[in-house]
Protein backbone atom coordinates (compact mmCIF):
# COMPACT_ATOMS: atom_id res chain seq x y z
CA MET A 1 48.84 -42.68 62.61
CA ILE A 2 45.19 -41.47 64.12
CA GLN A 3 43.76 -38.05 63.14
CA LYS A 4 40.89 -36.17 65.21
CA GLU A 5 38.63 -36.41 62.79
CA GLN A 6 38.41 -40.70 63.25
CA LEU A 7 36.75 -39.58 66.32
CA ASN A 8 33.34 -40.06 67.19
CA SER A 9 31.25 -37.16 69.34
CA ASN A 10 32.00 -39.34 72.19
CA ILE A 11 34.75 -37.61 73.45
CA PRO A 12 35.49 -37.96 77.46
CA ARG A 13 34.45 -34.91 79.35
CA HIS A 14 37.39 -35.52 82.11
CA ILE A 15 41.04 -37.02 81.10
CA ALA A 16 43.53 -37.66 83.47
CA ILE A 17 47.45 -38.18 82.66
CA ILE A 18 50.10 -39.90 84.95
CA MET A 19 52.91 -38.28 82.91
CA ASP A 20 55.67 -40.85 83.18
CA GLY A 21 58.86 -41.80 81.50
CA ASN A 22 60.72 -37.72 81.65
CA GLY A 23 63.70 -39.76 83.54
CA ARG A 24 64.18 -43.29 81.51
CA TRP A 25 63.70 -40.49 77.91
CA ALA A 26 66.61 -38.27 78.98
CA LYS A 27 68.37 -42.12 80.31
CA LYS A 28 68.02 -43.27 76.68
CA GLN A 29 69.73 -39.84 75.81
CA GLY A 30 72.51 -39.96 77.95
CA LEU A 31 71.31 -36.79 79.74
CA PHE A 32 70.26 -36.03 83.39
CA ARG A 33 66.96 -36.61 84.69
CA ALA A 34 65.96 -32.64 84.83
CA ILE A 35 66.14 -32.77 81.05
CA GLY A 36 63.88 -34.93 80.61
CA HIS A 37 61.56 -32.80 83.03
CA GLU A 38 62.30 -30.13 80.95
CA ASN A 39 61.38 -32.04 77.74
CA GLY A 40 58.03 -33.30 79.49
CA ALA A 41 56.96 -30.11 79.21
CA LYS A 42 56.11 -31.03 75.16
CA GLY A 43 53.91 -33.44 76.24
CA VAL A 44 51.60 -30.83 78.68
CA GLN A 45 51.80 -28.95 75.49
CA GLU A 46 50.55 -31.60 73.05
CA ALA A 47 47.96 -32.96 75.27
CA VAL A 48 46.30 -29.42 76.59
CA GLU A 49 46.16 -28.44 72.13
CA ALA A 50 44.68 -31.66 71.56
CA CYS A 51 42.12 -31.56 74.41
CA THR A 52 41.35 -28.36 73.37
CA GLU A 53 40.79 -29.11 69.77
CA LEU A 54 38.45 -31.89 70.89
CA GLY A 55 36.44 -30.16 73.30
CA VAL A 56 37.68 -32.03 76.21
CA LYS A 57 36.33 -29.69 79.40
CA TYR A 58 38.73 -30.95 82.09
CA LEU A 59 42.54 -31.69 81.76
CA THR A 60 44.37 -33.51 85.03
CA LEU A 61 47.79 -33.70 85.05
CA TYR A 62 50.09 -36.02 87.74
CA ALA A 63 52.45 -33.56 87.95
CA PHE A 64 54.36 -34.07 91.44
CA SER A 65 53.18 -36.84 94.03
CA THR A 66 53.63 -36.62 97.45
CA GLU A 67 55.97 -39.62 96.97
CA ASN A 68 57.95 -37.58 94.49
CA TRP A 69 59.36 -35.39 97.59
CA ASN A 70 61.54 -38.62 98.29
CA ARG A 71 63.32 -38.20 95.55
CA PRO A 72 66.65 -36.71 95.53
CA LYS A 73 66.59 -33.15 96.23
CA ARG A 74 69.09 -32.33 93.50
CA GLU A 75 65.80 -33.65 91.56
CA VAL A 76 63.02 -32.15 93.25
CA ASP A 77 64.85 -28.29 93.38
CA ALA A 78 64.82 -28.84 89.55
CA LEU A 79 61.22 -29.94 89.23
CA MET A 80 60.32 -26.78 91.65
CA LYS A 81 62.21 -24.54 89.51
CA LEU A 82 61.15 -26.00 86.22
CA LEU A 83 57.15 -25.19 87.74
CA VAL A 84 57.95 -21.97 88.24
CA LYS A 85 59.59 -21.55 85.38
CA SER A 86 56.56 -23.02 83.12
CA LEU A 87 53.89 -20.95 85.21
CA LYS A 88 55.46 -17.40 83.79
CA LYS A 89 56.06 -18.87 80.47
CA GLU A 90 52.14 -20.07 80.13
CA ILE A 91 50.19 -17.64 81.55
CA SER A 92 50.20 -15.65 78.50
CA SER A 93 49.09 -18.59 76.15
CA LEU A 94 46.84 -19.97 78.91
CA GLN A 95 44.88 -16.18 78.57
CA LYS A 96 45.10 -16.41 74.70
CA ASN A 97 43.39 -19.86 74.89
CA ASN A 98 40.93 -19.04 77.20
CA ILE A 99 42.01 -22.29 79.48
CA ARG A 100 41.81 -21.91 83.48
CA LEU A 101 44.61 -22.89 85.29
CA ASN A 102 43.71 -25.40 88.88
CA ALA A 103 45.85 -27.51 91.30
CA VAL A 104 45.29 -29.85 93.50
CA GLY A 105 46.77 -31.35 96.48
CA ASN A 106 48.58 -30.56 99.60
CA LEU A 107 49.77 -26.83 98.14
CA ASP A 108 51.21 -25.62 101.72
CA ALA A 109 53.77 -27.96 101.20
CA LEU A 110 55.42 -26.24 98.19
CA PRO A 111 58.44 -24.18 98.62
CA GLU A 112 56.60 -20.47 99.25
CA LYS A 113 57.65 -19.63 95.55
CA VAL A 114 56.20 -21.95 93.59
CA LYS A 115 52.51 -21.75 95.41
CA LYS A 116 52.87 -17.98 95.27
CA GLU A 117 53.44 -18.55 91.60
CA LEU A 118 50.98 -21.17 91.29
CA LEU A 119 47.94 -19.06 92.90
CA TYR A 120 48.77 -16.30 91.00
CA VAL A 121 47.92 -17.87 87.52
CA ILE A 122 45.42 -19.95 89.39
CA GLU A 123 44.00 -16.54 90.12
CA GLU A 124 44.35 -14.60 86.84
CA THR A 125 42.92 -17.57 84.57
CA LYS A 126 40.13 -18.61 86.75
CA SER A 127 37.46 -16.56 84.75
CA ASN A 128 38.36 -18.93 81.26
CA ASN A 129 35.99 -21.88 80.92
CA GLU A 130 37.01 -23.59 77.54
CA ILE A 131 39.68 -26.08 79.52
CA THR A 132 40.13 -26.55 82.84
CA VAL A 133 44.10 -28.18 83.52
CA THR A 134 44.31 -29.16 87.17
CA LEU A 135 48.11 -30.22 88.14
CA ALA A 136 48.16 -32.58 90.86
CA LEU A 137 51.05 -31.27 92.97
CA SER A 138 52.12 -33.11 96.34
CA TYR A 139 49.21 -35.13 96.20
CA GLY A 140 48.53 -38.45 96.90
CA SER A 141 45.31 -40.23 96.89
CA ARG A 142 45.37 -41.64 99.94
CA GLU A 143 46.50 -38.51 101.71
CA GLU A 144 43.51 -36.89 100.36
CA LEU A 145 40.90 -39.61 101.90
CA ILE A 146 42.92 -39.19 105.26
CA LYS A 147 42.46 -35.17 105.18
CA THR A 148 38.75 -36.10 103.85
CA ILE A 149 37.64 -38.10 106.48
CA GLN A 150 39.30 -36.47 109.02
CA ASP A 151 37.37 -33.14 107.94
CA ILE A 152 34.12 -34.25 107.89
CA SER A 153 34.79 -36.42 111.15
CA ILE A 154 35.67 -32.89 112.56
CA LYS A 155 31.91 -31.75 111.32
CA VAL A 156 30.24 -35.13 112.89
CA LYS A 157 32.07 -34.51 115.90
CA ASN A 158 30.64 -30.31 116.30
CA ASN A 159 26.88 -31.77 114.86
CA LEU A 160 27.74 -29.72 111.08
CA ILE A 161 27.05 -33.35 109.42
CA SER A 162 24.74 -36.26 110.70
CA PRO A 163 26.65 -39.30 110.05
CA HIS A 164 23.85 -41.28 108.45
CA LEU A 165 23.57 -38.59 105.73
CA ILE A 166 26.86 -39.12 105.17
CA ASN A 167 26.92 -40.00 101.65
CA GLU A 168 28.98 -40.01 97.99
CA THR A 169 28.06 -35.99 97.27
CA VAL A 170 29.14 -35.10 101.15
CA ILE A 171 32.37 -37.22 100.10
CA ASN A 172 33.35 -35.49 97.40
CA GLU A 173 32.61 -32.02 98.28
CA HIS A 174 35.43 -32.16 100.71
CA LEU A 175 38.06 -34.08 98.46
CA TYR A 176 40.82 -31.85 96.98
CA THR A 177 38.76 -32.45 93.45
CA LYS A 178 35.53 -31.21 95.08
CA ASN A 179 34.98 -28.98 91.86
CA LEU A 180 35.76 -31.90 89.11
CA PRO A 181 33.94 -34.31 87.59
CA ASP A 182 34.51 -38.12 88.28
CA VAL A 183 37.41 -38.87 85.70
CA ASP A 184 36.27 -40.82 82.46
CA LEU A 185 39.75 -41.41 80.48
CA LEU A 186 42.87 -42.57 82.84
CA ILE A 187 46.05 -42.39 80.87
CA ARG A 188 49.33 -43.81 81.97
CA THR A 189 52.47 -43.08 79.47
CA SER A 190 55.70 -45.21 79.83
CA GLY A 191 54.17 -49.03 79.95
CA GLU A 192 53.95 -49.13 84.05
CA GLN A 193 50.42 -50.13 84.53
CA ARG A 194 49.97 -49.08 87.47
CA ILE A 195 47.65 -46.49 89.61
CA SER A 196 50.13 -45.16 91.83
CA ASN A 197 47.77 -43.39 94.41
CA PHE A 198 46.63 -40.71 91.87
CA LEU A 199 42.71 -40.23 92.03
CA LEU A 200 41.66 -43.71 93.54
CA TRP A 201 38.28 -42.34 94.63
CA GLN A 202 37.69 -40.40 91.10
CA ILE A 203 38.55 -43.40 88.92
CA ALA A 204 35.96 -45.70 90.00
CA TYR A 205 34.19 -45.81 86.74
CA ALA A 206 36.98 -44.50 84.79
CA GLU A 207 38.15 -46.56 81.56
CA LEU A 208 42.20 -47.27 81.66
CA TYR A 209 44.56 -46.89 78.73
CA PHE A 210 48.32 -47.61 79.23
CA THR A 211 50.61 -46.88 76.63
CA LYS A 212 54.98 -47.74 76.01
CA VAL A 213 55.05 -43.50 74.75
CA LEU A 214 57.55 -42.27 76.88
CA TRP A 215 55.70 -38.86 78.30
CA PRO A 216 58.51 -36.16 76.34
CA ASP A 217 57.41 -37.93 73.12
CA PHE A 218 53.93 -38.21 73.74
CA LYS A 219 51.88 -36.83 70.74
CA LYS A 220 48.03 -35.03 70.29
CA THR A 221 47.66 -38.41 67.86
CA ASP A 222 48.82 -40.53 71.14
CA LEU A 223 46.13 -38.69 73.17
CA PHE A 224 43.76 -39.44 69.96
CA GLU A 225 44.44 -42.93 69.73
CA ALA A 226 43.53 -43.39 73.26
CA ILE A 227 40.28 -41.68 72.99
CA LEU A 228 39.57 -43.82 70.01
CA ASN A 229 40.04 -46.93 72.21
CA TYR A 230 37.66 -45.28 74.54
CA GLN A 231 35.24 -44.86 72.27
CA GLN A 232 35.33 -48.53 71.26
CA ARG A 233 34.38 -49.61 75.04
CA GLU A 234 31.14 -50.19 76.29
CA ARG A 235 30.69 -48.30 79.50
CA ARG A 236 28.37 -49.99 81.73
CA PHE A 237 28.67 -48.71 85.12
CA GLY A 238 27.46 -51.81 86.75
CA LYS A 239 24.79 -52.28 84.26
CA THR A 240 23.96 -55.28 81.73
CA SER A 241 24.80 -54.16 77.47
CA GLU A 242 20.88 -55.23 77.46
CA GLN A 243 20.03 -52.07 79.98
CA LEU A 244 22.22 -49.59 77.51
CA SER A 245 20.70 -50.84 74.61
């Protein structure tokens, strides 16, 4: 079992997690899928606490994708109710631990009650600076990129941006994640090895880590293990090992 003392000072600045396996966890227990999502809150708590202890500044959690709207209405409704319940429950903890809540995605697609509660907690925690926890809600990377291209195209048409000056900085400024740095470490639980339309632009040079642990069973030590694995890799960003040394 990995302990945080085994980790060196090379802590990722930004960790993103695809929280997968709630449904399979519930099925193994003979329970409804909604119960799996409720127990998934434990994984969130473990990840946030671990990141705070280690000094990770940004944690982004894939909470609900654009494709998730296609799930059975009963499950989607349960997820939305759970989100509102969790936001109300956790606001005092966020304030106490100096945690800033953020959200990315097509938030206008959320039920009005969910959106209202989400924006309220975001506003209440905007001055907190220990760690920024971002929820990706109604989020899809392809949808994000399409919107980004559309927004930039309108500005080009109105002579607000020259096509020749469009670069990575301009694109970053039009993404949902414009206030976040690129991802250093992407973790996916449950054993699946897919990106699932998550932060495709932002993970260009991220290290990918896949674990078979189902999300409700995810503990601090699982995150420590992912970071230890990250620390054992050489991030070259296109350069050679000799150039780095």
